[in-house]
Amino acid sequence: MNTKKGLAEDMISRRAVLGITQEQLSKLSGVGLKTIYKLEQGLANPSLDTLEKVLDVLGLELSIKLKK
């Protein structure tokens, strides 16, 4: 699975459930609107700090799994 694509899909889906716009997510997370757009397009390479801010607002968390 493409990690960026999966993250983008999860963000878009969760934002829809919460009923918030990209602009609202930007304001609530303190992350720039262009970055939010790029994350949702699978184009960004965000820092862990940036991801944490966005995912916290969305009620999501990042996890790392060992390969089998």
C-alpha atoms as a PDB file:
ATOM      1  CA  MET A   1       0.000   0.000   0.000  1.00  0.00           C
ATOM      2  CA  ASN A   2       1.166   3.523  -0.735  1.00  0.00           C
ATOM      3  CA  THR A   3       1.568   5.086   2.705  1.00  0.00           C
ATOM      4  CA  LYS A   4       0.980   8.642   1.497  1.00  0.00           C
ATOM      5  CA  LYS A   5      -2.160   7.599  -0.360  1.00  0.00           C
ATOM      6  CA  GLY A   6      -3.477   5.705   2.662  1.00  0.00           C
ATOM      7  CA  LEU A   7      -2.826   8.672   4.936  1.00  0.00           C
ATOM      8  CA  ALA A   8      -4.521  11.003   2.464  1.00  0.00           C
ATOM      9  CA  GLU A   9      -7.600   8.784   2.235  1.00  0.00           C
ATOM     10  CA  ASP A  10      -7.825   8.469   6.027  1.00  0.00           C
ATOM     11  CA  MET A  11      -7.514  12.233   6.487  1.00  0.00           C
ATOM     12  CA  ILE A  12     -10.189  13.015   3.894  1.00  0.00           C
ATOM     13  CA  SER A  13     -12.547  10.402   5.314  1.00  0.00           C
ATOM     14  CA  ARG A  14     -12.092  11.523   8.911  1.00  0.00           C
ATOM     15  CA  ARG A  15     -12.453  15.191   7.992  1.00  0.00           C
ATOM     16  CA  ALA A  16     -15.768  14.338   6.288  1.00  0.00           C
ATOM     17  CA  VAL A  17     -16.989  12.491   9.389  1.00  0.00           C
ATOM     18  CA  LEU A  18     -16.122  15.503  11.540  1.00  0.00           C
ATOM     19  CA  GLY A  19     -17.705  17.862   9.024  1.00  0.00           C
ATOM     20  CA  ILE A  20     -14.732  20.211   8.826  1.00  0.00           C
ATOM     21  CA  THR A  21     -13.126  21.873   5.826  1.00  0.00           C
ATOM     22  CA  GLN A  22      -9.450  21.918   4.939  1.00  0.00           C
ATOM     23  CA  GLU A  23      -9.385  25.549   6.063  1.00  0.00           C
ATOM     24  CA  GLN A  24     -10.876  24.657   9.456  1.00  0.00           C
ATOM     25  CA  LEU A  25      -8.399  21.787   9.854  1.00  0.00           C
ATOM     26  CA  SER A  26      -5.598  24.193   9.044  1.00  0.00           C
ATOM     27  CA  LYS A  27      -6.727  26.682  11.686  1.00  0.00           C
ATOM     28  CA  LEU A  28      -7.379  24.043  14.349  1.00  0.00           C
ATOM     29  CA  SER A  29      -4.052  22.287  13.808  1.00  0.00           C
ATOM     30  CA  GLY A  30      -1.870  25.332  13.179  1.00  0.00           C
ATOM     31  CA  VAL A  31      -0.657  23.726   9.941  1.00  0.00           C
ATOM     32  CA  GLY A  32      -0.758  25.749   6.737  1.00  0.00           C
ATOM     33  CA  LEU A  33      -3.626  25.268   4.306  1.00  0.00           C
ATOM     34  CA  LYS A  34      -1.232  24.418   1.461  1.00  0.00           C
ATOM     35  CA  THR A  35       0.290  21.671   3.607  1.00  0.00           C
ATOM     36  CA  ILE A  36      -3.158  20.240   4.405  1.00  0.00           C
ATOM     37  CA  TYR A  37      -3.974  20.254   0.683  1.00  0.00           C
ATOM     38  CA  LYS A  38      -0.678  18.545  -0.184  1.00  0.00           C
ATOM     39  CA  LEU A  39      -1.181  15.932   2.553  1.00  0.00           C
ATOM     40  CA  GLU A  40      -4.616  15.090   1.175  1.00  0.00           C
ATOM     41  CA  GLN A  41      -3.205  14.829  -2.344  1.00  0.00           C
ATOM     42  CA  GLY A  42      -0.391  12.538  -1.186  1.00  0.00           C
ATOM     43  CA  LEU A  43       2.177  15.134  -2.257  1.00  0.00           C
ATOM     44  CA  ALA A  44       3.641  16.244   1.085  1.00  0.00           C
ATOM     45  CA  ASN A  45       6.586  14.917   3.057  1.00  0.00           C
ATOM     46  CA  PRO A  46       5.603  16.291   6.457  1.00  0.00           C
ATOM     47  CA  SER A  47       7.620  16.203   9.631  1.00  0.00           C
ATOM     48  CA  LEU A  48       6.378  14.007  12.466  1.00  0.00           C
ATOM     49  CA  ASP A  49       5.488  17.187  14.351  1.00  0.00           C
ATOM     50  CA  THR A  50       3.258  18.356  11.499  1.00  0.00           C
ATOM     51  CA  LEU A  51       1.596  14.957  11.210  1.00  0.00           C
ATOM     52  CA  GLU A  52       0.997  14.860  14.956  1.00  0.00           C
ATOM     53  CA  LYS A  53      -0.730  18.262  14.900  1.00  0.00           C
ATOM     54  CA  VAL A  54      -3.052  17.316  12.041  1.00  0.00           C
ATOM     55  CA  LEU A  55      -3.819  13.799  13.228  1.00  0.00           C
ATOM     56  CA  ASP A  56      -4.526  15.028  16.771  1.00  0.00           C
ATOM     57  CA  VAL A  57      -7.271  17.335  15.495  1.00  0.00           C
ATOM     58  CA  LEU A  58      -8.704  14.481  13.421  1.00  0.00           C
ATOM     59  CA  GLY A  59      -8.610  12.055  16.347  1.00  0.00           C
ATOM     60  CA  LEU A  60      -6.189   9.787  14.499  1.00  0.00           C
ATOM     61  CA  GLU A  61      -2.789   8.438  15.445  1.00  0.00           C
ATOM     62  CA  LEU A  62       0.265   7.292  13.554  1.00  0.00           C
ATOM     63  CA  SER A  63       1.546   3.796  14.240  1.00  0.00           C
ATOM     64  CA  ILE A  64       4.553   1.883  13.037  1.00  0.00           C
ATOM     65  CA  LYS A  65       4.475  -1.861  12.434  1.00  0.00           C
ATOM     66  CA  LEU A  66       7.303  -4.302  11.894  1.00  0.00           C
ATOM     67  CA  LYS A  67       7.388  -5.995   8.534  1.00  0.00           C
ATOM     68  CA  LYS A  68       6.710  -9.708   8.549  1.00  0.00           C
END
